[in-house]
Every structure is written in C-alpha cells, then in structure tokens.
Amino acid sequence: MPAEAAGRWLRACHRAAASCERAELWVQTNNTRSAAGAAAGAGPSPAGAPGSSRT
C-alpha cells in the first residue's frame, strides 16, 4: 500500500474512533447529569429530614 493511501486510511480511522469516543462521552455525561438532576430534584424525604423523627 502506498504511503499516501495508508496515511489517508489511518486519518479516516482515527477520525472515526475520535467521533465514537465523543459520542460515548456525550451519552455518559448526559446520563450522569440526568441521574444527578433527578436525585437533586427529588429532595429529601420527610422521614429522612432533620427534626422529623417521631420517636
């Protein structure tokens, strides 16, 4: 394989791998944010809140 052709193929391969990694990072980041947002938005439960003990 000529060096020029190998260089093009290698660049295309690296570009595709980088694109895939960015997509995976986007999914992981958004899943983490939505899980953290759901937990933060739920707030503390009344039973777990300070000063709400019924003993």
Protein backbone atom coordinates (compact mmCIF):
# COMPACT_ATOMS: atom_id res chain seq x y z
CA MET A 1 0.00 0.00 0.00
CA PRO A 2 1.49 3.39 -0.91
CA ALA A 3 2.33 5.67 2.00
CA GLU A 4 -0.13 8.33 0.85
CA ALA A 5 -3.01 5.86 0.73
CA ALA A 6 -2.07 4.46 4.13
CA GLY A 7 -1.98 7.98 5.57
CA ARG A 8 -5.49 8.72 4.30
CA TRP A 9 -6.84 5.44 5.65
CA LEU A 10 -5.17 6.00 9.01
CA ARG A 11 -6.55 9.54 9.29
CA ALA A 12 -10.05 8.31 8.46
CA CYS A 13 -9.74 5.54 11.03
CA HIS A 14 -8.59 7.93 13.75
CA ARG A 15 -11.33 10.41 12.88
CA ALA A 16 -13.99 7.69 13.18
CA ALA A 17 -12.57 6.49 16.50
CA ALA A 18 -12.50 10.03 17.89
CA SER A 19 -16.09 10.59 16.80
CA CYS A 20 -17.17 7.37 18.52
CA GLU A 21 -15.36 8.36 21.72
CA ARG A 22 -17.04 11.78 21.70
CA ALA A 23 -20.43 10.11 21.28
CA GLU A 24 -19.75 7.76 24.21
CA LEU A 25 -18.62 10.65 26.39
CA TRP A 26 -21.76 12.62 25.49
CA VAL A 27 -24.00 9.69 26.47
CA GLN A 28 -22.14 9.10 29.75
CA THR A 29 -22.15 12.79 30.65
CA ASN A 30 -25.85 13.22 29.92
CA ASN A 31 -26.81 10.04 31.78
CA THR A 32 -24.83 11.22 34.81
CA ARG A 33 -26.39 14.69 34.69
CA SER A 34 -29.94 13.37 34.36
CA ALA A 35 -29.42 10.93 37.24
CA ALA A 36 -27.91 13.65 39.41
CA GLY A 37 -30.69 16.06 38.46
CA ALA A 38 -33.38 13.52 39.31
CA ALA A 39 -31.80 12.82 42.69
CA ALA A 40 -31.36 16.52 43.46
CA GLY A 41 -34.85 17.39 42.24
CA ALA A 42 -36.48 14.75 44.41
CA GLY A 43 -35.27 16.42 47.58
CA PRO A 44 -35.06 14.76 50.96
CA SER A 45 -37.88 12.51 52.02
CA PRO A 46 -39.91 13.76 55.00
CA ALA A 47 -38.84 10.76 57.10
CA GLY A 48 -35.18 11.47 56.41
CA ALA A 49 -35.36 15.21 57.01
CA PRO A 50 -33.71 16.58 60.16
CA GLY A 51 -36.12 17.14 63.02
CA SER A 52 -38.82 14.87 61.63
CA SER A 53 -38.29 11.96 64.00
CA ARG A 54 -41.48 10.58 65.54
CA THR A 55 -39.94 8.78 68.49
